[in-house]
N, C-alpha and C. Protein backbone atom coordinates (compact mmCIF):
# COMPACT_ATOMS: atom_id res chain seq x y z
N MET A 1 63.51 100.00 140.76
CA MET A 1 63.05 99.09 140.37
C MET A 1 64.03 97.64 140.47
N LEU A 2 64.05 96.98 141.09
CA LEU A 2 64.89 95.90 141.10
C LEU A 2 64.49 94.73 140.12
N LYS A 3 65.78 94.69 139.24
CA LYS A 3 65.32 93.70 137.89
C LYS A 3 66.63 92.73 137.90
N ILE A 4 66.41 91.30 137.78
CA ILE A 4 67.86 90.64 137.72
C ILE A 4 67.23 89.56 136.75
N SER A 5 68.28 88.81 136.22
CA SER A 5 68.01 87.69 135.58
C SER A 5 67.92 86.59 136.10
N VAL A 6 66.90 85.68 136.05
CA VAL A 6 66.94 84.50 136.70
C VAL A 6 66.63 83.38 135.76
N PRO A 7 66.75 82.62 135.03
CA PRO A 7 66.48 81.97 134.40
C PRO A 7 65.25 80.90 135.06
N ILE A 8 64.10 80.67 134.31
CA ILE A 8 62.95 80.11 134.52
C ILE A 8 62.91 78.58 134.53
N THR A 9 62.89 78.04 135.49
CA THR A 9 62.97 76.57 135.53
C THR A 9 61.88 75.46 136.34
N LYS A 10 61.84 74.53 136.30
CA LYS A 10 61.12 73.60 137.18
C LYS A 10 61.89 72.80 137.62
N PRO A 11 62.18 72.44 139.30
CA PRO A 11 62.03 73.36 140.32
C PRO A 11 62.67 74.72 140.27
N ALA A 12 62.33 75.96 140.69
CA ALA A 12 62.70 77.16 140.62
C ALA A 12 64.23 77.42 140.76
N THR A 13 64.85 78.39 140.06
CA THR A 13 66.15 78.75 140.19
C THR A 13 66.25 79.91 141.29
N GLU A 14 67.18 80.01 142.10
CA GLU A 14 67.15 81.00 142.95
C GLU A 14 68.64 82.15 142.73
N ARG A 15 68.49 82.88 142.87
CA ARG A 15 70.06 83.95 142.93
C ARG A 15 70.32 83.93 144.26
N ILE A 16 71.09 83.42 145.12
CA ILE A 16 71.76 84.04 146.38
C ILE A 16 73.33 84.70 146.14
N ALA A 17 73.34 85.92 146.50
CA ALA A 17 74.35 86.43 146.82
C ALA A 17 75.25 86.65 145.21
N GLY A 18 74.07 86.35 144.07
CA GLY A 18 74.92 86.73 142.77
C GLY A 18 74.93 85.50 142.06
N ARG A 19 74.65 84.37 142.74
CA ARG A 19 75.10 83.02 142.49
C ARG A 19 73.77 82.27 142.04
N LEU A 20 73.68 81.77 140.95
CA LEU A 20 72.34 80.86 140.48
C LEU A 20 72.53 79.37 141.21
N ARG A 21 71.22 79.11 141.82
CA ARG A 21 70.91 77.57 142.42
C ARG A 21 69.58 77.50 142.04
N GLN A 22 69.68 76.17 141.27
CA GLN A 22 68.42 75.43 141.48
C GLN A 22 68.06 74.61 142.63
N LYS A 23 66.60 74.76 142.62
CA LYS A 23 66.04 74.01 143.85
C LYS A 23 66.05 72.77 143.86
N LEU A 24 65.83 72.13 144.89
CA LEU A 24 65.69 70.35 144.50
C LEU A 24 64.24 70.40 144.31
N SER A 25 63.98 69.43 143.46
CA SER A 25 62.55 68.66 143.66
C SER A 25 62.32 68.43 144.88
N PRO A 26 60.75 68.21 145.41
CA PRO A 26 60.11 67.96 146.90
C PRO A 26 59.95 66.55 146.55
N ARG A 27 60.15 66.03 147.92
CA ARG A 27 59.76 64.25 147.45
C ARG A 27 58.06 64.49 148.88
N LEU A 28 57.94 63.06 148.71
CA LEU A 28 56.20 62.95 149.24
C LEU A 28 56.69 63.68 150.79
N LYS A 29 57.46 63.35 151.76
CA LYS A 29 57.03 64.22 153.09
C LYS A 29 57.26 65.49 152.78
N HIS A 30 58.42 66.04 152.40
CA HIS A 30 58.35 67.36 152.05
C HIS A 30 57.13 67.90 151.69
N GLY A 31 56.63 67.45 150.38
CA GLY A 31 55.72 68.09 149.91
C GLY A 31 54.14 67.94 150.65
N THR A 32 54.18 66.72 151.68
CA THR A 32 53.29 66.64 152.50
C THR A 32 53.22 67.72 153.67
N VAL A 33 54.62 68.12 154.12
CA VAL A 33 54.57 68.96 155.38
C VAL A 33 54.14 69.93 154.61
N GLN A 34 54.85 70.51 153.20
CA GLN A 34 54.36 71.93 152.63
C GLN A 34 52.99 72.19 152.57
N ARG A 35 52.37 71.24 152.61
CA ARG A 35 51.00 71.12 151.96
C ARG A 35 50.40 71.74 153.25
N ARG A 36 50.52 71.25 154.40
CA ARG A 36 50.09 70.97 155.59
C ARG A 36 50.23 72.42 156.10
N LEU A 37 51.57 73.02 156.10
CA LEU A 37 51.77 74.13 156.78
C LEU A 37 51.13 75.18 156.07
N ALA A 38 51.23 75.14 154.58
CA ALA A 38 50.53 76.01 154.04
C ALA A 38 48.83 76.14 154.03
N THR A 39 48.46 75.11 154.16
CA THR A 39 47.00 75.28 154.34
C THR A 39 46.86 75.91 156.24
N ALA A 40 48.05 76.02 157.16
CA ALA A 40 47.51 76.23 158.45
C ALA A 40 47.37 77.65 158.36
N LEU A 41 48.86 78.05 157.65
CA LEU A 41 49.18 79.62 157.58
C LEU A 41 47.81 80.26 156.78
N GLY A 42 47.45 79.75 155.63
CA GLY A 42 46.87 80.27 154.82
C GLY A 42 45.74 80.36 155.66
N SER A 43 45.09 79.08 156.02
CA SER A 43 43.57 79.38 156.87
C SER A 43 43.43 80.91 157.69
N TRP A 44 44.66 80.97 158.70
CA TRP A 44 45.05 81.95 159.63
C TRP A 44 44.90 83.30 158.48
N VAL A 45 45.58 83.41 157.78
CA VAL A 45 45.35 84.66 156.51
C VAL A 45 43.92 85.13 156.26
N ASP A 46 43.62 83.89 155.61
CA ASP A 46 41.76 84.20 155.30
C ASP A 46 40.99 84.76 156.69
N GLU A 47 41.32 84.26 157.39
CA GLU A 47 40.43 84.63 158.89
C GLU A 47 40.56 85.89 159.29
N HIS A 48 42.10 86.18 159.05
CA HIS A 48 42.26 87.52 159.35
C HIS A 48 42.30 88.84 157.93
N ASP A 49 42.29 88.42 157.08
CA ASP A 49 42.36 89.10 156.09
C ASP A 49 43.58 89.85 156.06
N CYS A 50 44.63 89.62 156.12
CA CYS A 50 46.19 90.18 156.45
C CYS A 50 47.25 90.33 155.35
N GLY A 51 47.10 89.65 154.14
CA GLY A 51 47.95 89.73 153.64
C GLY A 51 47.90 88.30 152.52
N GLY A 52 49.23 87.87 152.20
CA GLY A 52 48.96 86.98 151.31
C GLY A 52 49.98 85.61 151.36
N VAL A 53 49.37 84.45 151.36
CA VAL A 53 50.55 83.12 151.44
C VAL A 53 50.67 82.08 150.22
N ALA A 54 51.87 81.61 149.90
CA ALA A 54 51.70 81.26 148.66
C ALA A 54 52.95 80.09 148.94
N THR A 55 52.82 79.15 148.25
CA THR A 55 53.87 78.02 147.98
C THR A 55 54.84 78.47 146.83
N GLU A 56 55.93 78.31 146.85
CA GLU A 56 57.04 78.63 145.77
C GLU A 56 56.98 80.01 145.19
N TRP A 57 56.62 81.03 146.19
CA TRP A 57 56.61 82.58 145.96
C TRP A 57 57.40 82.96 145.72
N ASP A 58 58.06 83.84 144.11
CA ASP A 58 59.48 84.37 144.14
C ASP A 58 59.56 85.99 144.70
N PHE A 59 60.33 86.00 145.25
CA PHE A 59 60.66 87.52 145.93
C PHE A 59 62.09 87.89 145.33
N ARG A 60 62.03 89.25 145.25
CA ARG A 60 63.36 90.02 144.70
C ARG A 60 63.98 90.98 145.79
N LEU A 61 64.92 90.35 146.88
CA LEU A 61 65.27 91.39 147.69
C LEU A 61 66.61 92.13 147.66
N GLN A 62 66.52 93.69 147.68
CA GLN A 62 68.11 94.59 147.77
C GLN A 62 68.47 94.06 148.92
N MET A 63 69.63 93.63 149.00
CA MET A 63 70.56 93.19 150.08
C MET A 63 71.36 94.13 150.41
N PRO A 64 71.87 93.95 151.98
CA PRO A 64 72.87 95.29 152.24
C PRO A 64 74.07 95.37 151.65
N ASP A 65 74.52 94.10 151.01
CA ASP A 65 75.95 93.81 150.24
C ASP A 65 75.73 94.37 148.97
N GLY A 66 74.49 94.95 148.56
CA GLY A 66 74.21 95.66 147.07
C GLY A 66 73.93 94.55 146.06
N HIS A 67 73.91 93.20 146.26
CA HIS A 67 73.09 92.26 145.65
C HIS A 67 71.64 91.97 145.64
N VAL A 68 71.23 92.01 144.59
CA VAL A 68 69.93 91.55 144.71
C VAL A 68 69.40 90.01 144.38
N ASP A 69 69.04 89.39 145.32
CA ASP A 69 68.64 88.14 145.49
C ASP A 69 67.42 87.73 145.07
N ALA A 70 67.21 86.43 144.36
CA ALA A 70 65.93 86.01 143.87
C ALA A 70 65.57 84.88 144.70
N LEU A 71 64.87 84.73 145.82
CA LEU A 71 64.90 83.70 146.67
C LEU A 71 63.43 83.24 146.34
N VAL A 72 63.03 81.79 146.59
CA VAL A 72 61.72 81.18 146.47
C VAL A 72 61.48 80.32 147.26
N PRO A 73 61.03 80.85 148.67
CA PRO A 73 60.93 80.23 149.85
C PRO A 73 59.53 79.27 149.90
N ASP A 74 59.74 78.22 150.41
CA ASP A 74 58.68 76.79 149.82
C ASP A 74 57.29 77.61 150.36
N ILE A 75 57.53 78.52 151.10
CA ILE A 75 56.10 79.02 151.55
C ILE A 75 56.26 80.52 152.01
N ALA A 76 55.52 81.56 151.83
CA ALA A 76 55.87 82.82 152.13
C ALA A 76 54.55 83.38 152.78
N TYR A 77 54.52 84.01 153.39
CA TYR A 77 53.81 85.24 153.92
C TYR A 77 54.08 86.39 153.72
N LEU A 78 53.22 87.47 153.16
CA LEU A 78 53.50 88.85 152.91
C LEU A 78 52.58 89.51 153.20
N SER A 79 52.65 90.45 154.21
CA SER A 79 51.41 91.08 155.03
C SER A 79 51.08 92.16 154.38
N TYR A 80 49.96 92.67 154.24
CA TYR A 80 49.55 93.70 153.52
C TYR A 80 50.11 95.17 154.04
N ASP A 81 50.39 95.26 154.92
CA ASP A 81 51.26 96.42 155.79
C ASP A 81 52.42 96.57 155.10
N ARG A 82 53.49 95.44 154.85
CA ARG A 82 54.67 95.36 154.17
C ARG A 82 54.23 95.55 152.80
N ALA A 83 53.33 95.03 152.45
CA ALA A 83 53.61 95.01 150.85
C ALA A 83 52.76 96.20 150.18
N GLY A 84 52.22 97.25 151.36
CA GLY A 84 51.91 98.66 151.25
C GLY A 84 50.68 98.79 150.26
N THR A 85 50.00 97.72 150.17
CA THR A 85 48.87 97.31 149.17
C THR A 85 48.19 96.41 149.24
N TYR A 86 46.75 96.24 149.03
CA TYR A 86 46.06 95.34 149.07
C TYR A 86 46.05 94.46 147.90
N GLU A 87 46.90 94.73 146.48
CA GLU A 87 47.12 94.45 145.64
C GLU A 87 48.52 93.63 145.56
N ILE A 88 48.73 92.69 146.69
CA ILE A 88 50.12 91.98 146.27
C ILE A 88 50.97 91.61 144.80
N ALA A 89 52.18 91.99 144.59
CA ALA A 89 52.49 91.69 143.64
C ALA A 89 52.89 90.03 143.07
N GLU A 90 52.91 90.02 142.28
CA GLU A 90 53.13 88.58 141.67
C GLU A 90 54.85 88.17 142.47
N ILE A 91 55.55 89.44 142.00
CA ILE A 91 57.08 89.17 142.34
C ILE A 91 57.26 90.18 143.38
N PRO A 92 56.94 90.14 144.31
CA PRO A 92 57.28 91.26 145.51
C PRO A 92 58.66 91.72 145.68
N LEU A 93 59.20 93.02 145.53
CA LEU A 93 60.39 93.21 146.02
C LEU A 93 60.07 93.98 147.10
N THR A 94 60.19 93.45 148.42
CA THR A 94 60.14 93.33 149.76
C THR A 94 60.03 91.93 149.90
N ALA A 95 60.71 92.12 151.24
CA ALA A 95 60.89 90.53 152.01
C ALA A 95 59.61 89.98 152.79
N PRO A 96 59.38 88.71 152.29
CA PRO A 96 58.15 88.25 153.14
C PRO A 96 58.35 88.33 154.62
N ASP A 97 57.24 88.71 155.40
CA ASP A 97 57.03 88.81 157.11
C ASP A 97 57.53 87.57 157.31
N ILE A 98 57.02 86.09 156.84
CA ILE A 98 57.14 85.12 157.51
C ILE A 98 57.89 84.03 156.18
N ALA A 99 59.25 83.32 155.69
CA ALA A 99 59.86 82.71 155.15
C ALA A 99 59.35 81.26 155.33
N VAL A 100 59.24 80.47 154.81
CA VAL A 100 59.37 78.91 155.49
C VAL A 100 60.64 78.12 154.55
N GLU A 101 61.39 77.50 154.78
CA GLU A 101 62.40 76.73 154.27
C GLU A 101 62.12 75.15 154.90
N ILE A 102 61.92 74.24 153.34
CA ILE A 102 61.63 72.64 154.48
C ILE A 102 62.66 72.05 153.72
N ARG A 103 63.38 71.23 155.00
CA ARG A 103 65.12 70.76 154.39
C ARG A 103 64.26 69.59 153.57
N SER A 104 65.42 69.40 152.49
CA SER A 104 65.35 68.64 151.69
C SER A 104 66.40 67.56 151.84
N PRO A 105 66.39 66.36 151.59
CA PRO A 105 67.60 65.09 152.14
C PRO A 105 69.31 65.57 151.61
N ASN A 106 68.70 66.39 150.51
CA ASN A 106 70.42 66.66 149.47
C ASN A 106 70.54 67.86 149.86
N GLU A 107 70.24 68.68 150.39
CA GLU A 107 70.02 70.30 150.51
C GLU A 107 71.58 70.35 151.55
N SER A 108 72.58 71.07 151.01
CA SER A 108 73.59 71.09 151.77
C SER A 108 73.22 72.48 153.48
N ARG A 109 73.86 72.30 154.40
CA ARG A 109 73.93 72.69 155.27
C ARG A 109 74.23 74.39 155.22
N ALA A 110 74.81 74.49 154.25
CA ALA A 110 75.77 76.08 154.22
C ALA A 110 74.65 76.79 153.29
N ILE A 111 73.79 76.25 152.19
CA ILE A 111 73.34 76.69 151.52
C ILE A 111 71.68 77.19 152.28
N ARG A 112 71.44 76.19 153.16
CA ARG A 112 70.05 76.50 154.37
C ARG A 112 70.78 77.90 155.00
N GLU A 113 71.79 77.79 155.78
CA GLU A 113 72.34 78.68 156.50
C GLU A 113 72.40 80.08 155.87
N GLN A 114 73.04 80.19 154.60
CA GLN A 114 72.84 81.09 153.39
C GLN A 114 71.96 81.68 153.69
N LYS A 115 70.61 81.09 152.91
CA LYS A 115 69.61 81.35 152.83
C LYS A 115 68.50 82.20 154.05
N ILE A 116 68.65 81.48 155.22
CA ILE A 116 68.36 81.95 156.43
C ILE A 116 68.94 83.42 156.63
N HIS A 117 70.21 83.46 156.50
CA HIS A 117 70.65 84.67 156.66
C HIS A 117 70.50 86.14 155.77
N ARG A 118 70.23 85.36 154.58
CA ARG A 118 69.73 86.52 153.34
C ARG A 118 68.48 87.06 154.01
N TYR A 119 67.42 85.94 154.45
CA TYR A 119 65.67 86.58 154.02
C TYR A 119 66.27 87.47 155.62
N LEU A 120 66.93 86.93 156.66
CA LEU A 120 66.79 87.92 157.72
C LEU A 120 67.48 89.41 157.33
N ALA A 121 68.69 89.43 156.92
CA ALA A 121 69.37 90.40 156.41
C ALA A 121 68.47 91.46 155.45
N ALA A 122 67.57 90.81 154.76
CA ALA A 122 66.67 91.70 153.98
C ALA A 122 65.32 92.07 154.69
N GLY A 123 65.21 91.69 155.49
CA GLY A 123 63.84 92.52 156.17
C GLY A 123 62.96 91.06 156.84
N THR A 124 63.15 89.73 156.75
CA THR A 124 62.32 88.91 156.97
C THR A 124 62.08 89.04 158.56
N LEU A 125 60.74 89.02 158.76
CA LEU A 125 60.56 88.85 160.36
C LEU A 125 60.96 87.32 161.63
N LEU A 126 60.47 86.43 160.40
CA LEU A 126 60.59 84.85 160.74
C LEU A 126 61.08 84.36 159.71
N VAL A 127 61.81 83.00 159.89
CA VAL A 127 62.29 82.48 159.13
C VAL A 127 62.16 81.27 159.45
N LEU A 128 61.51 79.95 158.95
CA LEU A 128 61.12 78.71 160.22
C LEU A 128 61.79 77.67 158.92
N ASP A 129 62.57 77.00 159.95
CA ASP A 129 63.43 76.16 159.03
C ASP A 129 62.86 74.89 159.60
N VAL A 130 62.11 74.06 158.80
CA VAL A 130 61.42 72.83 158.72
C VAL A 130 61.99 71.76 158.69
N ASN A 131 62.27 71.04 159.92
CA ASN A 131 63.33 69.70 159.52
C ASN A 131 62.18 68.59 159.50
N PRO A 132 61.37 68.19 158.26
CA PRO A 132 60.52 66.82 158.55
C PRO A 132 61.24 65.54 159.01
N LYS A 133 62.25 65.37 158.84
CA LYS A 133 63.14 63.81 159.59
C LYS A 133 63.26 64.31 160.91
N ALA A 134 63.70 65.09 161.68
CA ALA A 134 63.61 65.29 163.10
C ALA A 134 62.01 65.67 163.88
N ALA A 135 60.73 66.15 162.61
CA ALA A 135 59.94 66.77 162.82
C ALA A 135 60.19 68.24 163.95
N THR A 136 60.83 68.68 163.43
CA THR A 136 61.06 69.86 164.54
C THR A 136 60.85 71.39 163.53
N VAL A 137 60.83 72.54 164.00
CA VAL A 137 60.55 73.79 163.42
C VAL A 137 61.52 74.53 163.90
N THR A 138 63.00 74.99 163.28
CA THR A 138 63.31 76.13 164.22
C THR A 138 63.35 77.57 163.85
N VAL A 139 62.80 78.37 164.90
CA VAL A 139 62.64 79.57 164.33
C VAL A 139 63.32 80.59 164.41
N TYR A 140 63.80 81.45 163.60
CA TYR A 140 64.95 82.68 163.09
C TYR A 140 63.90 83.75 163.70
N ARG A 141 64.75 84.68 164.44
CA ARG A 141 64.10 85.95 164.20
C ARG A 141 65.53 86.95 164.41
N ASP A 142 65.75 87.94 163.68
CA ASP A 142 66.57 88.73 163.41
C ASP A 142 67.27 89.28 165.27
N GLY A 143 68.52 89.15 165.45
CA GLY A 143 68.59 89.41 166.87
C GLY A 143 68.71 88.75 167.93
N THR A 144 67.71 87.63 167.56
CA THR A 144 67.75 86.42 168.56
C THR A 144 68.08 85.26 168.83
N GLU A 145 68.30 84.54 169.40
CA GLU A 145 68.76 83.01 169.34
C GLU A 145 67.43 82.14 168.92
N PRO A 146 67.93 81.28 167.78
CA PRO A 146 66.94 80.35 167.34
C PRO A 146 66.02 79.46 168.30
N VAL A 147 65.16 79.35 167.89
CA VAL A 147 64.31 78.36 168.97
C VAL A 147 63.78 77.15 168.29
N VAL A 148 64.02 76.06 168.58
CA VAL A 148 63.57 74.39 168.22
C VAL A 148 62.18 74.34 169.19
N LEU A 149 61.12 73.65 168.09
CA LEU A 149 59.97 73.76 168.83
C LEU A 149 59.28 71.93 167.83
N SER A 150 58.85 71.36 168.36
CA SER A 150 58.37 70.29 167.87
C SER A 150 56.79 69.98 168.55
N ASP A 151 56.20 70.49 169.25
CA ASP A 151 54.76 70.20 169.36
C ASP A 151 53.83 71.70 168.74
N VAL A 152 54.11 73.04 169.13
CA VAL A 152 53.15 74.09 168.79
C VAL A 152 53.84 75.27 168.58
N PHE A 153 53.64 75.43 167.31
CA PHE A 153 54.58 76.99 167.07
C PHE A 153 53.35 78.01 167.12
N GLU A 154 53.56 79.03 168.18
CA GLU A 154 52.64 79.99 168.36
C GLU A 154 53.29 81.56 167.92
N ASP A 155 52.61 82.78 167.49
CA ASP A 155 53.39 83.72 167.16
C ASP A 155 52.19 84.85 167.41
N ASN A 156 52.47 85.78 168.47
CA ASN A 156 51.94 86.86 168.51
C ASN A 156 52.27 88.29 168.42
N ASP A 157 53.53 88.23 167.62
CA ASP A 157 53.99 89.52 167.29
C ASP A 157 54.05 89.43 165.62
N VAL A 158 54.30 88.59 164.73
CA VAL A 158 54.30 88.71 163.45
C VAL A 158 53.15 88.41 162.93
N ALA A 159 52.41 86.90 163.34
CA ALA A 159 51.16 86.65 163.23
C ALA A 159 50.18 86.45 164.26
N PRO A 160 49.51 87.67 164.81
CA PRO A 160 49.04 87.68 166.21
C PRO A 160 48.24 86.53 165.89
N GLY A 161 47.94 85.74 166.88
CA GLY A 161 46.79 84.95 166.77
C GLY A 161 47.20 83.50 166.08
N LEU A 162 48.39 83.68 165.39
CA LEU A 162 48.72 82.10 164.57
C LEU A 162 49.17 81.05 165.91
N LYS A 163 48.15 79.46 165.55
CA LYS A 163 48.98 78.81 166.41
C LYS A 163 48.51 77.73 165.40
N ILE A 164 49.99 76.79 164.87
CA ILE A 164 50.28 75.35 164.45
C ILE A 164 50.32 74.29 165.02
N ASP A 165 49.80 73.18 165.29
CA ASP A 165 49.83 71.86 165.70
C ASP A 165 51.31 71.14 164.81
N LEU A 166 52.66 71.50 165.23
CA LEU A 166 53.21 70.61 164.61
C LEU A 166 53.28 69.39 164.43
N ARG A 167 52.46 68.43 165.37
CA ARG A 167 52.28 67.14 165.50
C ARG A 167 51.61 66.56 164.30
N ALA A 168 50.77 67.29 164.00
CA ALA A 168 49.23 66.89 163.01
C ALA A 168 50.40 67.37 161.57
N ILE A 169 51.36 68.61 161.88
CA ILE A 169 52.16 68.76 160.42
C ILE A 169 52.71 67.97 160.13
N PHE A 170 53.41 66.93 160.94
CA PHE A 170 54.50 65.93 160.79
C PHE A 170 53.66 64.56 160.52
N ALA A 171 52.75 64.10 160.92
CA ALA A 171 51.96 63.35 161.05
C ALA A 171 52.49 62.38 159.77
N SER A 172 52.36 61.04 159.43
CA SER A 172 52.29 60.27 158.77
C SER A 172 51.04 60.89 157.70
N PRO A 173 51.31 60.41 156.70
CA PRO A 173 49.70 60.84 155.62
C PRO A 173 48.84 59.55 156.17
N ALA A 174 47.48 59.93 156.29
CA ALA A 174 46.65 58.87 156.63
C ALA A 174 46.22 57.82 155.69
N ARG A 175 46.00 56.98 155.82
CA ARG A 175 45.57 55.57 154.90
C ARG A 175 44.13 54.95 156.02
N GLY A 176 43.22 55.06 154.91
CA GLY A 176 42.47 54.79 155.95
C GLY A 176 41.34 55.24 157.09
N GLY A 177 41.86 56.35 157.07
CA GLY A 177 41.42 56.92 158.06
C GLY A 177 41.98 57.27 159.17
N ARG A 178 43.31 56.21 159.41
CA ARG A 178 43.94 56.17 160.35
C ARG A 178 45.65 56.68 160.12
N ARG A 179 46.07 57.13 161.25
CA ARG A 179 47.57 57.64 161.16
C ARG A 179 48.61 56.84 161.62
N ARG A 180 49.86 56.73 160.43
CA ARG A 180 50.20 55.73 160.62
C ARG A 180 51.32 55.91 161.07
N LYS A 181 52.29 55.10 161.90
CA LYS A 181 53.69 55.74 162.05
C LYS A 181 54.78 55.47 161.39
N ASN A 182 55.93 56.39 161.26
CA ASN A 182 57.00 55.58 160.21
C ASN A 182 57.44 54.68 160.31
């Protein structure tokens, strides 16, 4: 069993390559994008009854370098196939199928890149690096070049039939029934 000690904090503390790092508190734009993406991914999972989706879900990952990382993606999808059961653990000991990381203004590029690398090394199939400021999603898969998207995200390998309109995800919050520009 993968056991490591990570303090319980709000926001969550992660353990990356043996070092503790507390996540940043999200702001409105980050939280809105997170809610919309989680809703879209969760609706797809509910429709296909294929696994679990959660925000700020705690994972324990055995890394090839011997470390056990405690990573808390902003949004994660874990399929029943990878979980090995229809009862998915509160703290899975396997990598999520999809890990979504939403950029925060004060988050360093080095930490973001390290987390993407660690997810892929642990077996995550897709990592989505979401940039609310640029209204883009960079899709990472092991062994391929990243792809930057700004209109629609579709996947038929990891999440067959999943299609997300990114323009709706990045739209400004509605006010009075109308969408406003930033």
